[in-house]
Amino acid sequence: MLQRRTPAGYWQSVTGALEWGEAPKDAAVRELFEETGLQLPVTDCRQNHTFPIHPAWRERYAMDVVTNLEHVFRVECTERPAIILNSDEHSGYRWLDRDEAANLAGSRTNRDAILEHVPDY
């Protein structure tokens, strides 16, 4: 889980926005690398969620855009690789088990995706 710089105390898994003309899976691979330094295979969970845009990020969008479409992907790590944190976006990270990560997630859709797609070891 990654701790965002803004808003303070907000935790999430790797997330990001599509660049113009970018496919969702390509964005997932790019964001994983940009936010963590990891280059691992990304699996498409073939699941989407629409959610209201968090107030902290409203100014990034046009006035009439109030929701976002989220594509769910997952990465499997057999070990806990070293993370190279993007310090412009995040101030910390934690490796957690599924339930701890879900409880820490700042958004409902992130929490739901963790509970559905992360094994409970």
PDB file of N, CA and C in Angstrom:
ATOM      1  N   MET A   1       0.850  -1.169   0.000  1.00  0.00           N
ATOM      2  CA  MET A   1       0.000   0.000   0.000  1.00  0.00           C
ATOM      3  C   MET A   1       0.895   1.231   0.000  1.00  0.00           C
ATOM      4  N   LEU A   2       0.451   2.232  -0.760  1.00  0.00           N
ATOM      5  CA  LEU A   2       1.215   3.469  -0.899  1.00  0.00           C
ATOM      6  C   LEU A   2       0.497   4.607  -0.179  1.00  0.00           C
ATOM      7  N   GLN A   3       1.247   5.377   0.583  1.00  0.00           N
ATOM      8  CA  GLN A   3       0.676   6.536   1.270  1.00  0.00           C
ATOM      9  C   GLN A   3       0.865   7.767   0.397  1.00  0.00           C
ATOM     10  N   ARG A   4      -0.239   8.391   0.021  1.00  0.00           N
ATOM     11  CA  ARG A   4      -0.180   9.584  -0.827  1.00  0.00           C
ATOM     12  C   ARG A   4       0.298  10.786  -0.026  1.00  0.00           C
ATOM     13  N   ARG A   5       0.954  11.691  -0.689  1.00  0.00           N
ATOM     14  CA  ARG A   5       1.327  12.956  -0.048  1.00  0.00           C
ATOM     15  C   ARG A   5       0.078  13.796   0.190  1.00  0.00           C
ATOM     16  N   THR A   6      -0.858  13.772  -0.792  1.00  0.00           N
ATOM     17  CA  THR A   6      -2.103  14.525  -0.686  1.00  0.00           C
ATOM     18  C   THR A   6      -3.242  13.635  -1.145  1.00  0.00           C
ATOM     19  N   PRO A   7      -4.309  13.555  -0.405  1.00  0.00           N
ATOM     20  CA  PRO A   7      -4.522  14.124   0.923  1.00  0.00           C
ATOM     21  C   PRO A   7      -3.738  13.341   1.981  1.00  0.00           C
ATOM     22  N   ALA A   8      -3.378  14.022   3.029  1.00  0.00           N
ATOM     23  CA  ALA A   8      -2.592  13.411   4.104  1.00  0.00           C
ATOM     24  C   ALA A   8      -3.318  12.197   4.667  1.00  0.00           C
ATOM     25  N   GLY A   9      -2.557  11.140   4.911  1.00  0.00           N
ATOM     26  CA  GLY A   9      -3.119   9.946   5.517  1.00  0.00           C
ATOM     27  C   GLY A   9      -3.904   9.057   4.569  1.00  0.00           C
ATOM     28  N   TYR A  10      -3.859   9.336   3.262  1.00  0.00           N
ATOM     29  CA  TYR A  10      -4.628   8.558   2.281  1.00  0.00           C
ATOM     30  C   TYR A  10      -3.749   7.439   1.734  1.00  0.00           C
ATOM     31  N   TRP A  11      -4.231   6.211   1.861  1.00  0.00           N
ATOM     32  CA  TRP A  11      -3.506   5.025   1.414  1.00  0.00           C
ATOM     33  C   TRP A  11      -4.237   4.377   0.252  1.00  0.00           C
ATOM     34  N   GLN A  12      -3.461   3.835  -0.691  1.00  0.00           N
ATOM     35  CA  GLN A  12      -4.047   3.149  -1.847  1.00  0.00           C
ATOM     36  C   GLN A  12      -3.026   2.199  -2.448  1.00  0.00           C
ATOM     37  N   SER A  13      -3.510   1.297  -3.284  1.00  0.00           N
ATOM     38  CA  SER A  13      -2.593   0.495  -4.074  1.00  0.00           C
ATOM     39  C   SER A  13      -2.135   1.359  -5.250  1.00  0.00           C
ATOM     40  N   VAL A  14      -1.348   0.824  -6.145  1.00  0.00           N
ATOM     41  CA  VAL A  14      -0.903   1.585  -7.316  1.00  0.00           C
ATOM     42  C   VAL A  14      -2.133   2.014  -8.113  1.00  0.00           C
ATOM     43  N   THR A  15      -2.190   3.279  -8.444  1.00  0.00           N
ATOM     44  CA  THR A  15      -3.293   3.811  -9.249  1.00  0.00           C
ATOM     45  C   THR A  15      -2.728   4.824 -10.229  1.00  0.00           C
ATOM     46  N   GLY A  16      -3.562   5.261 -11.140  1.00  0.00           N
ATOM     47  CA  GLY A  16      -3.111   6.280 -12.066  1.00  0.00           C
ATOM     48  C   GLY A  16      -4.131   6.544 -13.147  1.00  0.00           C
ATOM     49  N   ALA A  17      -3.802   7.470 -14.009  1.00  0.00           N
ATOM     50  CA  ALA A  17      -4.703   7.873 -15.085  1.00  0.00           C
ATOM     51  C   ALA A  17      -4.121   7.464 -16.430  1.00  0.00           C
ATOM     52  N   LEU A  18      -5.026   7.215 -17.356  1.00  0.00           N
ATOM     53  CA  LEU A  18      -4.611   6.921 -18.720  1.00  0.00           C
ATOM     54  C   LEU A  18      -4.007   8.160 -19.368  1.00  0.00           C
ATOM     55  N   GLU A  19      -2.948   7.975 -20.121  1.00  0.00           N
ATOM     56  CA  GLU A  19      -2.442   9.045 -20.962  1.00  0.00           C
ATOM     57  C   GLU A  19      -3.188   8.978 -22.283  1.00  0.00           C
ATOM     58  N   TRP A  20      -3.207  10.066 -23.023  1.00  0.00           N
ATOM     59  CA  TRP A  20      -3.972  10.141 -24.265  1.00  0.00           C
ATOM     60  C   TRP A  20      -3.593   8.979 -25.190  1.00  0.00           C
ATOM     61  N   GLY A  21      -4.610   8.197 -25.602  1.00  0.00           N
ATOM     62  CA  GLY A  21      -4.411   7.085 -26.520  1.00  0.00           C
ATOM     63  C   GLY A  21      -3.846   5.824 -25.888  1.00  0.00           C
ATOM     64  N   GLU A  22      -3.655   5.811 -24.593  1.00  0.00           N
ATOM     65  CA  GLU A  22      -3.046   4.679 -23.896  1.00  0.00           C
ATOM     66  C   GLU A  22      -4.099   3.638 -23.529  1.00  0.00           C
ATOM     67  N   ALA A  23      -3.773   2.370 -23.711  1.00  0.00           N
ATOM     68  CA  ALA A  23      -4.652   1.274 -23.298  1.00  0.00           C
ATOM     69  C   ALA A  23      -4.546   1.097 -21.778  1.00  0.00           C
ATOM     70  N   PRO A  24      -5.641   0.663 -21.129  1.00  0.00           N
ATOM     71  CA  PRO A  24      -5.608   0.484 -19.673  1.00  0.00           C
ATOM     72  C   PRO A  24      -4.473  -0.410 -19.170  1.00  0.00           C
ATOM     73  N   LYS A  25      -4.201  -1.525 -19.848  1.00  0.00           N
ATOM     74  CA  LYS A  25      -3.130  -2.405 -19.376  1.00  0.00           C
ATOM     75  C   LYS A  25      -1.765  -1.730 -19.502  1.00  0.00           C
ATOM     76  N   ASP A  26      -1.559  -0.971 -20.577  1.00  0.00           N
ATOM     77  CA  ASP A  26      -0.301  -0.243 -20.726  1.00  0.00           C
ATOM     78  C   ASP A  26      -0.147   0.793 -19.613  1.00  0.00           C
ATOM     79  N   ALA A  27      -1.246   1.439 -19.252  1.00  0.00           N
ATOM     80  CA  ALA A  27      -1.213   2.409 -18.152  1.00  0.00           C
ATOM     81  C   ALA A  27      -0.880   1.715 -16.835  1.00  0.00           C
ATOM     82  N   ALA A  28      -1.434   0.523 -16.616  1.00  0.00           N
ATOM     83  CA  ALA A  28      -1.160  -0.217 -15.380  1.00  0.00           C
ATOM     84  C   ALA A  28       0.321  -0.563 -15.269  1.00  0.00           C
ATOM     85  N   VAL A  29       0.919  -1.027 -16.361  1.00  0.00           N
ATOM     86  CA  VAL A  29       2.345  -1.363 -16.369  1.00  0.00           C
ATOM     87  C   VAL A  29       3.172  -0.101 -16.119  1.00  0.00           C
ATOM     88  N   ARG A  30       2.831   0.993 -16.788  1.00  0.00           N
ATOM     89  CA  ARG A  30       3.564   2.259 -16.629  1.00  0.00           C
ATOM     90  C   ARG A  30       3.445   2.782 -15.202  1.00  0.00           C
ATOM     91  N   GLU A  31       2.216   2.814 -14.664  1.00  0.00           N
ATOM     92  CA  GLU A  31       2.013   3.338 -13.304  1.00  0.00           C
ATOM     93  C   GLU A  31       2.717   2.479 -12.258  1.00  0.00           C
ATOM     94  N   LEU A  32       2.707   1.165 -12.437  1.00  0.00           N
ATOM     95  CA  LEU A  32       3.418   0.288 -11.507  1.00  0.00           C
ATOM     96  C   LEU A  32       4.892   0.668 -11.458  1.00  0.00           C
ATOM     97  N   PHE A  33       5.487   0.874 -12.630  1.00  0.00           N
ATOM     98  CA  PHE A  33       6.897   1.238 -12.674  1.00  0.00           C
ATOM     99  C   PHE A  33       7.129   2.645 -12.117  1.00  0.00           C
ATOM    100  N   GLU A  34       6.305   3.618 -12.526  1.00  0.00           N
ATOM    101  CA  GLU A  34       6.492   4.999 -12.076  1.00  0.00           C
ATOM    102  C   GLU A  34       6.338   5.151 -10.571  1.00  0.00           C
ATOM    103  N   GLU A  35       5.415   4.409  -9.975  1.00  0.00           N
ATOM    104  CA  GLU A  35       5.129   4.585  -8.546  1.00  0.00           C
ATOM    105  C   GLU A  35       5.980   3.711  -7.641  1.00  0.00           C
ATOM    106  N   THR A  36       6.494   2.575  -8.177  1.00  0.00           N
ATOM    107  CA  THR A  36       7.201   1.631  -7.311  1.00  0.00           C
ATOM    108  C   THR A  36       8.565   1.189  -7.842  1.00  0.00           C
ATOM    109  N   GLY A  37       8.835   1.437  -9.122  1.00  0.00           N
ATOM    110  CA  GLY A  37      10.058   0.940  -9.735  1.00  0.00           C
ATOM    111  C   GLY A  37       9.979  -0.515 -10.146  1.00  0.00           C
ATOM    112  N   LEU A  38       8.821  -1.157  -9.944  1.00  0.00           N
ATOM    113  CA  LEU A  38       8.675  -2.580 -10.268  1.00  0.00           C
ATOM    114  C   LEU A  38       8.311  -2.790 -11.734  1.00  0.00           C
ATOM    115  N   GLN A  39       8.919  -3.822 -12.322  1.00  0.00           N
ATOM    116  CA  GLN A  39       8.590  -4.254 -13.673  1.00  0.00           C
ATOM    117  C   GLN A  39       8.196  -5.723 -13.572  1.00  0.00           C
ATOM    118  N   LEU A  40       6.899  -5.954 -13.373  1.00  0.00           N
ATOM    119  CA  LEU A  40       6.362  -7.300 -13.193  1.00  0.00           C
ATOM    120  C   LEU A  40       5.178  -7.495 -14.131  1.00  0.00           C
ATOM    121  N   PRO A  41       4.849  -8.750 -14.456  1.00  0.00           N
ATOM    122  CA  PRO A  41       3.669  -8.994 -15.290  1.00  0.00           C
ATOM    123  C   PRO A  41       2.396  -8.500 -14.592  1.00  0.00           C
ATOM    124  N   VAL A  42       1.552  -7.849 -15.350  1.00  0.00           N
ATOM    125  CA  VAL A  42       0.288  -7.304 -14.851  1.00  0.00           C
ATOM    126  C   VAL A  42      -0.856  -8.130 -15.429  1.00  0.00           C
ATOM    127  N   THR A  43      -1.759  -8.568 -14.562  1.00  0.00           N
ATOM    128  CA  THR A  43      -2.915  -9.369 -14.976  1.00  0.00           C
ATOM    129  C   THR A  43      -4.165  -8.511 -14.976  1.00  0.00           C
ATOM    130  N   ASP A  44      -4.883  -8.536 -16.076  1.00  0.00           N
ATOM    131  CA  ASP A  44      -6.150  -7.815 -16.182  1.00  0.00           C
ATOM    132  C   ASP A  44      -7.229  -8.627 -15.470  1.00  0.00           C
ATOM    133  N   CYS A  45      -7.849  -8.050 -14.456  1.00  0.00           N
ATOM    134  CA  CYS A  45      -8.916  -8.736 -13.710  1.00  0.00           C
ATOM    135  C   CYS A  45     -10.257  -8.653 -14.438  1.00  0.00           C
ATOM    136  N   ARG A  46     -10.282  -7.939 -15.556  1.00  0.00           N
ATOM    137  CA  ARG A  46     -11.487  -7.788 -16.372  1.00  0.00           C
ATOM    138  C   ARG A  46     -12.663  -7.285 -15.540  1.00  0.00           C
ATOM    139  N   GLN A  47     -12.359  -6.239 -14.778  1.00  0.00           N
ATOM    140  CA  GLN A  47     -13.370  -5.647 -13.902  1.00  0.00           C
ATOM    141  C   GLN A  47     -13.201  -4.133 -13.916  1.00  0.00           C
ATOM    142  N   ASN A  48     -14.313  -3.437 -13.985  1.00  0.00           N
ATOM    143  CA  ASN A  48     -14.317  -1.973 -13.967  1.00  0.00           C
ATOM    144  C   ASN A  48     -15.260  -1.484 -12.883  1.00  0.00           C
ATOM    145  N   HIS A  49     -14.953  -0.317 -12.359  1.00  0.00           N
ATOM    146  CA  HIS A  49     -15.820   0.339 -11.383  1.00  0.00           C
ATOM    147  C   HIS A  49     -15.910   1.820 -11.738  1.00  0.00           C
ATOM    148  N   THR A  50     -17.072   2.394 -11.555  1.00  0.00           N
ATOM    149  CA  THR A  50     -17.223   3.841 -11.661  1.00  0.00           C
ATOM    150  C   THR A  50     -17.358   4.382 -10.248  1.00  0.00           C
ATOM    151  N   PHE A  51     -16.636   5.471  -9.969  1.00  0.00           N
ATOM    152  CA  PHE A  51     -16.670   6.027  -8.622  1.00  0.00           C
ATOM    153  C   PHE A  51     -16.601   7.544  -8.686  1.00  0.00           C
ATOM    154  N   PRO A  52     -17.134   8.236  -7.673  1.00  0.00           N
ATOM    155  CA  PRO A  52     -17.043   9.699  -7.643  1.00  0.00           C
ATOM    156  C   PRO A  52     -15.595  10.149  -7.444  1.00  0.00           C
ATOM    157  N   ILE A  53     -15.203  11.207  -8.123  1.00  0.00           N
ATOM    158  CA  ILE A  53     -13.841  11.727  -8.003  1.00  0.00           C
ATOM    159  C   ILE A  53     -13.662  12.325  -6.603  1.00  0.00           C
ATOM    160  N   HIS A  54     -12.577  11.945  -5.952  1.00  0.00           N
ATOM    161  CA  HIS A  54     -12.253  12.426  -4.603  1.00  0.00           C
ATOM    162  C   HIS A  54     -12.063  13.947  -4.654  1.00  0.00           C
ATOM    163  N   PRO A  55     -12.570  14.671  -3.666  1.00  0.00           N
ATOM    164  CA  PRO A  55     -12.423  16.138  -3.647  1.00  0.00           C
ATOM    165  C   PRO A  55     -10.972  16.623  -3.802  1.00  0.00           C
ATOM    166  N   ALA A  56     -10.015  15.858  -3.315  1.00  0.00           N
ATOM    167  CA  ALA A  56      -8.605  16.272  -3.402  1.00  0.00           C
ATOM    168  C   ALA A  56      -8.116  16.366  -4.849  1.00  0.00           C
ATOM    169  N   TRP A  57      -8.798  15.678  -5.778  1.00  0.00           N
ATOM    170  CA  TRP A  57      -8.359  15.659  -7.177  1.00  0.00           C
ATOM    171  C   TRP A  57      -9.372  16.303  -8.125  1.00  0.00           C
ATOM    172  N   ARG A  58     -10.417  16.946  -7.609  1.00  0.00           N
ATOM    173  CA  ARG A  58     -11.462  17.539  -8.455  1.00  0.00           C
ATOM    174  C   ARG A  58     -10.920  18.553  -9.447  1.00  0.00           C
ATOM    175  N   GLU A  59      -9.926  19.352  -9.047  1.00  0.00           N
ATOM    176  CA  GLU A  59      -9.438  20.420  -9.926  1.00  0.00           C
ATOM    177  C   GLU A  59      -8.741  19.884 -11.171  1.00  0.00           C
ATOM    178  N   ARG A  60      -8.413  18.614 -11.207  1.00  0.00           N
ATOM    179  CA  ARG A  60      -7.765  18.010 -12.380  1.00  0.00           C
ATOM    180  C   ARG A  60      -8.749  17.747 -13.517  1.00  0.00           C
ATOM    181  N   TYR A  61     -10.032  17.870 -13.237  1.00  0.00           N
ATOM    182  CA  TYR A  61     -11.068  17.476 -14.192  1.00  0.00           C
ATOM    183  C   TYR A  61     -11.945  18.653 -14.587  1.00  0.00           C
ATOM    184  N   ALA A  62     -12.573  18.520 -15.749  1.00  0.00           N
ATOM    185  CA  ALA A  62     -13.532  19.530 -16.186  1.00  0.00           C
ATOM    186  C   ALA A  62     -14.691  19.574 -15.198  1.00  0.00           C
ATOM    187  N   MET A  63     -15.361  20.720 -15.123  1.00  0.00           N
ATOM    188  CA  MET A  63     -16.451  20.921 -14.158  1.00  0.00           C
ATOM    189  C   MET A  63     -17.547  19.857 -14.262  1.00  0.00           C
ATOM    190  N   ASP A  64     -17.842  19.389 -15.489  1.00  0.00           N
ATOM    191  CA  ASP A  64     -18.936  18.445 -15.672  1.00  0.00           C
ATOM    192  C   ASP A  64     -18.525  16.981 -15.473  1.00  0.00           C
ATOM    193  N   VAL A  65     -17.252  16.727 -15.205  1.00  0.00           N
ATOM    194  CA  VAL A  65     -16.775  15.364 -14.970  1.00  0.00           C
ATOM    195  C   VAL A  65     -16.762  15.122 -13.462  1.00  0.00           C
ATOM    196  N   VAL A  66     -17.623  14.218 -13.007  1.00  0.00           N
ATOM    197  CA  VAL A  66     -17.745  13.984 -11.561  1.00  0.00           C
ATOM    198  C   VAL A  66     -17.429  12.537 -11.166  1.00  0.00           C
ATOM    199  N   THR A  67     -17.276  11.652 -12.157  1.00  0.00           N
ATOM    200  CA  THR A  67     -16.946  10.254 -11.863  1.00  0.00           C
ATOM    201  C   THR A  67     -15.750   9.818 -12.705  1.00  0.00           C
ATOM    202  N   ASN A  68     -15.166   8.737 -12.288  1.00  0.00           N
ATOM    203  CA  ASN A  68     -14.033   8.146 -12.988  1.00  0.00           C
ATOM    204  C   ASN A  68     -14.312   6.667 -13.216  1.00  0.00           C
ATOM    205  N   LEU A  69     -13.756   6.116 -14.295  1.00  0.00           N
ATOM    206  CA  LEU A  69     -13.852   4.688 -14.577  1.00  0.00           C
ATOM    207  C   LEU A  69     -12.523   4.050 -14.197  1.00  0.00           C
ATOM    208  N   GLU A  70     -12.591   3.079 -13.330  1.00  0.00           N
ATOM    209  CA  GLU A  70     -11.408   2.399 -12.822  1.00  0.00           C
ATOM    210  C   GLU A  70     -11.333   1.005 -13.442  1.00  0.00           C
ATOM    211  N   HIS A  71     -10.151   0.636 -13.923  1.00  0.00           N
ATOM    212  CA  HIS A  71      -9.880  -0.705 -14.452  1.00  0.00           C
ATOM    213  C   HIS A  71      -9.037  -1.433 -13.413  1.00  0.00           C
ATOM    214  N   VAL A  72      -9.384  -2.667 -13.091  1.00  0.00           N
ATOM    215  CA  VAL A  72      -8.700  -3.409 -12.034  1.00  0.00           C
ATOM    216  C   VAL A  72      -7.665  -4.359 -12.639  1.00  0.00           C
ATOM    217  N   PHE A  73      -6.442  -4.259 -12.129  1.00  0.00           N
ATOM    218  CA  PHE A  73      -5.335  -5.133 -12.511  1.00  0.00           C
ATOM    219  C   PHE A  73      -4.687  -5.643 -11.237  1.00  0.00           C
ATOM    220  N   ARG A  74      -3.939  -6.731 -11.370  1.00  0.00           N
ATOM    221  CA  ARG A  74      -3.203  -7.229 -10.213  1.00  0.00           C
ATOM    222  C   ARG A  74      -1.822  -7.696 -10.633  1.00  0.00           C
ATOM    223  N   VAL A  75      -0.929  -7.706  -9.669  1.00  0.00           N
ATOM    224  CA  VAL A  75       0.436  -8.174  -9.852  1.00  0.00           C
ATOM    225  C   VAL A  75       0.699  -9.180  -8.751  1.00  0.00           C
ATOM    226  N   GLU A  76       1.318 -10.287  -9.109  1.00  0.00           N
ATOM    227  CA  GLU A  76       1.652 -11.290  -8.107  1.00  0.00           C
ATOM    228  C   GLU A  76       3.134 -11.192  -7.775  1.00  0.00           C
ATOM    229  N   CYS A  77       3.408 -11.082  -6.486  1.00  0.00           N
ATOM    230  CA  CYS A  77       4.795 -11.047  -5.996  1.00  0.00           C
ATOM    231  C   CYS A  77       4.988 -12.243  -5.084  1.00  0.00           C
ATOM    232  N   THR A  78       5.963 -13.073  -5.389  1.00  0.00           N
ATOM    233  CA  THR A  78       6.249 -14.209  -4.513  1.00  0.00           C
ATOM    234  C   THR A  78       7.145 -13.787  -3.349  1.00  0.00           C
ATOM    235  N   GLU A  79       7.804 -12.660  -3.505  1.00  0.00           N
ATOM    236  CA  GLU A  79       8.649 -12.078  -2.467  1.00  0.00           C
ATOM    237  C   GLU A  79       8.249 -10.617  -2.315  1.00  0.00           C
ATOM    238  N   ARG A  80       8.842  -9.925  -1.401  1.00  0.00           N
ATOM    239  CA  ARG A  80       8.601  -8.490  -1.231  1.00  0.00           C
ATOM    240  C   ARG A  80       9.774  -7.721  -1.832  1.00  0.00           C
ATOM    241  N   PRO A  81       9.680  -7.394  -3.122  1.00  0.00           N
ATOM    242  CA  PRO A  81      10.812  -6.716  -3.762  1.00  0.00           C
ATOM    243  C   PRO A  81      11.011  -5.310  -3.211  1.00  0.00           C
ATOM    244  N   ALA A  82      12.221  -4.805  -3.380  1.00  0.00           N
ATOM    245  CA  ALA A  82      12.525  -3.439  -2.964  1.00  0.00           C
ATOM    246  C   ALA A  82      11.683  -2.469  -3.795  1.00  0.00           C
ATOM    247  N   ILE A  83      11.150  -1.467  -3.152  1.00  0.00           N
ATOM    248  CA  ILE A  83      10.318  -0.456  -3.800  1.00  0.00           C
ATOM    249  C   ILE A  83      11.127   0.828  -3.961  1.00  0.00           C
ATOM    250  N   ILE A  84      11.052   1.401  -5.144  1.00  0.00           N
ATOM    251  CA  ILE A  84      11.624   2.725  -5.393  1.00  0.00           C
ATOM    252  C   ILE A  84      10.430   3.660  -5.482  1.00  0.00           C
ATOM    253  N   LEU A  85      10.129   4.296  -4.386  1.00  0.00           N
ATOM    254  CA  LEU A  85       8.919   5.102  -4.250  1.00  0.00           C
ATOM    255  C   LEU A  85       9.015   6.401  -5.042  1.00  0.00           C
ATOM    256  N   ASN A  86       7.940   6.751  -5.737  1.00  0.00           N
ATOM    257  CA  ASN A  86       7.856   8.047  -6.408  1.00  0.00           C
ATOM    258  C   ASN A  86       7.533   9.081  -5.329  1.00  0.00           C
ATOM    259  N   SER A  87       8.551   9.800  -4.885  1.00  0.00           N
ATOM    260  CA  SER A  87       8.381  10.704  -3.744  1.00  0.00           C
ATOM    261  C   SER A  87       7.574  11.957  -4.080  1.00  0.00           C
ATOM    262  N   ASP A  88       7.321  12.217  -5.372  1.00  0.00           N
ATOM    263  CA  ASP A  88       6.438  13.332  -5.733  1.00  0.00           C
ATOM    264  C   ASP A  88       4.994  13.019  -5.360  1.00  0.00           C
ATOM    265  N   GLU A  89       4.618  11.742  -5.419  1.00  0.00           N
ATOM    266  CA  GLU A  89       3.238  11.333  -5.151  1.00  0.00           C
ATOM    267  C   GLU A  89       3.039  10.673  -3.800  1.00  0.00           C
ATOM    268  N   HIS A  90       4.066   9.959  -3.320  1.00  0.00           N
ATOM    269  CA  HIS A  90       3.893   9.130  -2.126  1.00  0.00           C
ATOM    270  C   HIS A  90       4.966   9.408  -1.085  1.00  0.00           C
ATOM    271  N   SER A  91       4.563   9.262   0.178  1.00  0.00           N
ATOM    272  CA  SER A  91       5.495   9.513   1.280  1.00  0.00           C
ATOM    273  C   SER A  91       5.887   8.239   2.016  1.00  0.00           C
ATOM    274  N   GLY A  92       5.264   7.125   1.681  1.00  0.00           N
ATOM    275  CA  GLY A  92       5.604   5.873   2.336  1.00  0.00           C
ATOM    276  C   GLY A  92       4.884   4.708   1.703  1.00  0.00           C
ATOM    277  N   TYR A  93       5.291   3.508   2.108  1.00  0.00           N
ATOM    278  CA  TYR A  93       4.615   2.302   1.645  1.00  0.00           C
ATOM    279  C   TYR A  93       4.680   1.237   2.722  1.00  0.00           C
ATOM    280  N   ARG A  94       3.787   0.273   2.601  1.00  0.00           N
ATOM    281  CA  ARG A  94       3.756  -0.870   3.527  1.00  0.00           C
ATOM    282  C   ARG A  94       3.392  -2.125   2.744  1.00  0.00           C
ATOM    283  N   TRP A  95       4.070  -3.214   3.038  1.00  0.00           N
ATOM    284  CA  TRP A  95       3.647  -4.526   2.571  1.00  0.00           C
ATOM    285  C   TRP A  95       2.697  -5.065   3.649  1.00  0.00           C
ATOM    286  N   LEU A  96       1.482  -5.398   3.273  1.00  0.00           N
ATOM    287  CA  LEU A  96       0.470  -5.853   4.233  1.00  0.00           C
ATOM    288  C   LEU A  96      -0.233  -7.092   3.710  1.00  0.00           C
ATOM    289  N   ASP A  97      -0.840  -7.852   4.630  1.00  0.00           N
ATOM    290  CA  ASP A  97      -1.680  -8.947   4.153  1.00  0.00           C
ATOM    291  C   ASP A  97      -2.977  -8.359   3.607  1.00  0.00           C
ATOM    292  N   ARG A  98      -3.771  -9.197   2.961  1.00  0.00           N
ATOM    293  CA  ARG A  98      -4.963  -8.744   2.257  1.00  0.00           C
ATOM    294  C   ARG A  98      -5.912  -7.935   3.130  1.00  0.00           C
ATOM    295  N   ASP A  99      -6.272  -8.442   4.278  1.00  0.00           N
ATOM    296  CA  ASP A  99      -7.258  -7.755   5.116  1.00  0.00           C
ATOM    297  C   ASP A  99      -6.733  -6.432   5.668  1.00  0.00           C
ATOM    298  N   GLU A 100      -5.450  -6.397   6.055  1.00  0.00           N
ATOM    299  CA  GLU A 100      -4.861  -5.145   6.534  1.00  0.00           C
ATOM    300  C   GLU A 100      -4.834  -4.098   5.422  1.00  0.00           C
ATOM    301  N   ALA A 101      -4.472  -4.540   4.209  1.00  0.00           N
ATOM    302  CA  ALA A 101      -4.436  -3.612   3.072  1.00  0.00           C
ATOM    303  C   ALA A 101      -5.831  -3.078   2.776  1.00  0.00           C
ATOM    304  N   ALA A 102      -6.816  -3.959   2.769  1.00  0.00           N
ATOM    305  CA  ALA A 102      -8.195  -3.541   2.490  1.00  0.00           C
ATOM    306  C   ALA A 102      -8.679  -2.545   3.542  1.00  0.00           C
ATOM    307  N   ASN A 103      -8.363  -2.783   4.800  1.00  0.00           N
ATOM    308  CA  ASN A 103      -8.781  -1.865   5.863  1.00  0.00           C
ATOM    309  C   ASN A 103      -8.108  -0.504   5.759  1.00  0.00           C
ATOM    310  N   LEU A 104      -6.911  -0.457   5.200  1.00  0.00           N
ATOM    311  CA  LEU A 104      -6.177   0.793   5.076  1.00  0.00           C
ATOM    312  C   LEU A 104      -6.568   1.585   3.822  1.00  0.00           C
ATOM    313  N   ALA A 105      -7.115   0.907   2.826  1.00  0.00           N
ATOM    314  CA  ALA A 105      -7.443   1.543   1.539  1.00  0.00           C
ATOM    315  C   ALA A 105      -8.387   2.727   1.732  1.00  0.00           C
ATOM    316  N   GLY A 106      -8.060   3.830   1.065  1.00  0.00           N
ATOM    317  CA  GLY A 106      -8.846   5.054   1.204  1.00  0.00           C
ATOM    318  C   GLY A 106     -10.116   5.082   0.383  1.00  0.00           C
ATOM    319  N   SER A 107     -10.256   4.180  -0.577  1.00  0.00           N
ATOM    320  CA  SER A 107     -11.473   4.172  -1.391  1.00  0.00           C
ATOM    321  C   SER A 107     -12.171   2.817  -1.317  1.00  0.00           C
ATOM    322  N   ARG A 108     -13.472   2.867  -1.451  1.00  0.00           N
ATOM    323  CA  ARG A 108     -14.282   1.646  -1.432  1.00  0.00           C
ATOM    324  C   ARG A 108     -13.902   0.709  -2.562  1.00  0.00           C
ATOM    325  N   THR A 109     -13.701   1.258  -3.775  1.00  0.00           N
ATOM    326  CA  THR A 109     -13.399   0.392  -4.916  1.00  0.00           C
ATOM    327  C   THR A 109     -12.026  -0.255  -4.766  1.00  0.00           C
ATOM    328  N   ASN A 110     -11.058   0.448  -4.200  1.00  0.00           N
ATOM    329  CA  ASN A 110      -9.744  -0.133  -3.953  1.00  0.00           C
ATOM    330  C   ASN A 110      -9.861  -1.247  -2.919  1.00  0.00           C
ATOM    331  N   ARG A 111     -10.595  -0.992  -1.862  1.00  0.00           N
ATOM    332  CA  ARG A 111     -10.820  -1.996  -0.820  1.00  0.00           C
ATOM    333  C   ARG A 111     -11.485  -3.243  -1.409  1.00  0.00           C
ATOM    334  N   ASP A 112     -12.529  -3.045  -2.208  1.00  0.00           N
ATOM    335  CA  ASP A 112     -13.241  -4.176  -2.810  1.00  0.00           C
ATOM    336  C   ASP A 112     -12.342  -4.983  -3.742  1.00  0.00           C
ATOM    337  N   ALA A 113     -11.527  -4.294  -4.543  1.00  0.00           N
ATOM    338  CA  ALA A 113     -10.620  -4.983  -5.470  1.00  0.00           C
ATOM    339  C   ALA A 113      -9.591  -5.811  -4.709  1.00  0.00           C
ATOM    340  N   ILE A 114      -9.067  -5.270  -3.628  1.00  0.00           N
ATOM    341  CA  ILE A 114      -8.097  -6.004  -2.815  1.00  0.00           C
ATOM    342  C   ILE A 114      -8.746  -7.263  -2.249  1.00  0.00           C
ATOM    343  N   LEU A 115      -9.931  -7.132  -1.679  1.00  0.00           N
ATOM    344  CA  LEU A 115     -10.597  -8.286  -1.076  1.00  0.00           C
ATOM    345  C   LEU A 115     -10.963  -9.349  -2.111  1.00  0.00           C
ATOM    346  N   GLU A 116     -11.292  -8.917  -3.311  1.00  0.00           N
ATOM    347  CA  GLU A 116     -11.706  -9.877  -4.339  1.00  0.00           C
ATOM    348  C   GLU A 116     -10.543 -10.522  -5.073  1.00  0.00           C
ATOM    349  N   HIS A 117      -9.445  -9.790  -5.278  1.00  0.00           N
ATOM    350  CA  HIS A 117      -8.397 -10.287  -6.172  1.00  0.00           C
ATOM    351  C   HIS A 117      -7.058 -10.610  -5.507  1.00  0.00           C
ATOM    352  N   VAL A 118      -6.925 -10.360  -4.222  1.00  0.00           N
ATOM    353  CA  VAL A 118      -5.699 -10.692  -3.515  1.00  0.00           C
ATOM    354  C   VAL A 118      -5.953 -11.939  -2.659  1.00  0.00           C
ATOM    355  N   PRO A 119      -5.133 -12.975  -2.838  1.00  0.00           N
ATOM    356  CA  PRO A 119      -5.338 -14.192  -2.028  1.00  0.00           C
ATOM    357  C   PRO A 119      -5.184 -13.908  -0.539  1.00  0.00           C
ATOM    358  N   ASP A 120      -5.900 -14.645   0.274  1.00  0.00           N
ATOM    359  CA  ASP A 120      -5.801 -14.550   1.729  1.00  0.00           C
ATOM    360  C   ASP A 120      -4.892 -15.673   2.215  1.00  0.00           C
ATOM    361  N   TYR A 121      -3.629 -15.348   2.432  1.00  0.00           N
ATOM    362  CA  TYR A 121      -2.664 -16.378   2.857  1.00  0.00           C
ATOM    363  C   TYR A 121      -2.685 -16.561   4.339  1.00  0.00           C
TER     364      TYR A 121
END
